[in-house]
């Protein structure tokens, strides 16, 4: 699978900017969403190759959004990498059980993120 289009989901403008700048500099096309609900709508409409998902967001959190994406026929094949401040081992296990392919703790190390993306490609 080739990864070129990435949806960044985070309620923090600073995090969205940081991740999008990193990804654009590395040749990816980036779209953004500020909530789990917006992420679901965009994923269904634009079918990105990968989703970077925050967990702590108002409304639908990242765990709920990832679970919904993994159960929806049109989005179940889109890999999700969780990028969150929730660093407990139980959080990581829960994130993977919801359908995430990888789990990174903020502040995200750029090399770790790029390595995870390449591993999924």
Protein backbone atom coordinates (compact mmCIF):
# COMPACT_ATOMS: atom_id res chain seq x y z
CA UNK A 1 0.00 0.00 0.00
CA UNK A 2 1.29 3.42 -0.94
CA UNK A 3 0.73 6.23 1.55
CA UNK A 4 0.52 9.74 0.12
CA UNK A 5 -2.65 11.31 1.64
CA UNK A 6 -2.78 11.64 5.43
CA UNK A 7 -5.63 12.96 7.58
CA UNK A 8 -4.41 14.62 10.80
CA UNK A 9 -7.06 14.64 13.55
CA UNK A 10 -6.36 16.80 16.61
CA UNK A 11 -8.30 19.50 18.46
CA UNK A 12 -5.06 21.44 19.09
CA UNK A 13 -4.13 23.89 16.30
CA UNK A 14 -0.49 23.68 17.47
CA UNK A 15 -0.39 19.89 17.11
CA UNK A 16 -2.14 20.00 13.73
CA UNK A 17 0.40 22.56 12.52
CA UNK A 18 3.40 20.59 13.85
CA UNK A 19 2.26 17.30 12.30
CA UNK A 20 1.17 18.81 9.00
CA UNK A 21 4.45 20.72 8.58
CA UNK A 22 6.45 17.54 9.25
CA UNK A 23 4.37 15.49 6.82
CA UNK A 24 4.32 18.10 4.03
CA UNK A 25 8.12 18.50 4.28
CA UNK A 26 8.36 14.74 3.76
CA UNK A 27 6.20 14.75 0.65
CA UNK A 28 2.76 13.83 2.02
CA UNK A 29 -0.53 15.52 1.17
CA UNK A 30 -2.25 16.53 4.40
CA UNK A 31 -5.85 17.25 5.32
CA UNK A 32 -7.01 18.08 8.84
CA UNK A 33 -9.93 17.53 11.17
CA UNK A 34 -10.53 18.99 14.65
CA UNK A 35 -12.79 16.28 16.10
CA UNK A 36 -13.69 12.62 15.92
CA UNK A 37 -16.96 13.44 14.19
CA UNK A 38 -15.20 15.54 11.57
CA UNK A 39 -12.61 12.78 11.10
CA UNK A 40 -15.32 10.21 10.34
CA UNK A 41 -16.98 12.49 7.79
CA UNK A 42 -13.70 13.34 6.07
CA UNK A 43 -12.48 9.74 6.05
CA UNK A 44 -15.70 8.59 4.36
CA UNK A 45 -15.63 11.45 1.84
CA UNK A 46 -11.94 11.57 0.90
CA UNK A 47 -10.62 8.10 1.83
CA UNK A 48 -7.11 9.10 3.01
CA UNK A 49 -4.30 6.53 2.95
CA UNK A 50 -3.60 7.00 6.68
CA UNK A 51 -5.12 8.78 9.69
CA UNK A 52 -3.15 10.28 12.60
CA UNK A 53 -5.62 10.35 15.50
CA UNK A 54 -5.45 12.26 18.78
CA UNK A 55 -7.35 10.67 21.68
CA UNK A 56 -8.35 13.53 23.98
CA UNK A 57 -10.85 15.66 22.03
CA UNK A 58 -14.25 17.15 22.86
CA UNK A 59 -17.25 15.14 21.68
CA UNK A 60 -16.20 11.85 20.12
CA UNK A 61 -12.73 10.97 21.40
CA UNK A 62 -10.03 9.28 19.33
CA UNK A 63 -10.73 5.80 20.74
CA UNK A 64 -14.40 6.09 19.74
CA UNK A 65 -13.56 7.51 16.30
CA UNK A 66 -10.99 4.77 15.62
CA UNK A 67 -13.48 2.08 16.64
CA UNK A 68 -16.14 3.60 14.36
CA UNK A 69 -13.68 3.81 11.44
CA UNK A 70 -12.62 0.18 11.91
CA UNK A 71 -16.25 -1.02 11.84
CA UNK A 72 -17.35 1.01 8.80
CA UNK A 73 -17.03 -0.83 5.47
CA UNK A 74 -15.83 2.26 3.60
CA UNK A 75 -13.10 3.14 6.13
CA UNK A 76 -12.08 -0.13 7.80
CA UNK A 77 -8.98 -0.53 5.60
CA UNK A 78 -7.57 2.92 6.41
CA UNK A 79 -4.77 2.48 8.97
CA UNK A 80 -4.84 4.69 12.07
CA UNK A 81 -1.83 5.79 14.10
CA UNK A 82 -2.79 7.25 17.48
CA UNK A 83 -0.75 10.31 18.52
CA UNK A 84 -1.73 11.25 22.06
CA UNK A 85 -0.63 12.41 25.50
CA UNK A 86 -2.24 9.31 27.03
CA UNK A 87 0.89 7.25 27.63
CA UNK A 88 -0.24 4.54 30.05
CA UNK A 89 0.23 0.95 28.87
CA UNK A 90 -3.52 0.36 29.30
CA UNK A 91 -4.20 3.29 26.95
CA UNK A 92 -1.88 1.80 24.33
CA UNK A 93 -3.51 -1.62 24.58
CA UNK A 94 -6.98 -0.05 24.37
CA UNK A 95 -6.00 2.02 21.32
CA UNK A 96 -4.75 -1.06 19.47
CA UNK A 97 -7.90 -2.96 20.45
CA UNK A 98 -10.00 -0.18 18.91
CA UNK A 99 -8.24 -0.74 15.59
CA UNK A 100 -5.12 1.47 15.66
CA UNK A 101 -2.08 0.06 13.86
CA UNK A 102 0.39 2.02 16.01
CA UNK A 103 0.37 4.21 19.13
CA UNK A 104 2.74 7.14 19.66
CA UNK A 105 2.91 9.33 22.77
CA UNK A 106 3.20 13.12 22.47
CA UNK A 107 5.41 14.93 22.02
CA UNK A 108 5.74 12.78 18.91
CA UNK A 109 9.29 12.06 17.81
CA UNK A 110 9.39 12.93 14.07
CA UNK A 111 11.65 9.97 13.23
CA UNK A 112 9.38 7.55 15.09
CA UNK A 113 6.31 8.86 13.26
CA UNK A 114 7.94 8.74 9.83
CA UNK A 115 9.23 5.24 10.61
CA UNK A 116 5.74 4.05 11.55
CA UNK A 117 4.30 5.52 8.35
CA UNK A 118 6.96 3.79 6.24
CA UNK A 119 6.33 0.50 8.07
CA UNK A 120 2.63 0.67 7.15
CA UNK A 121 3.29 1.52 3.49
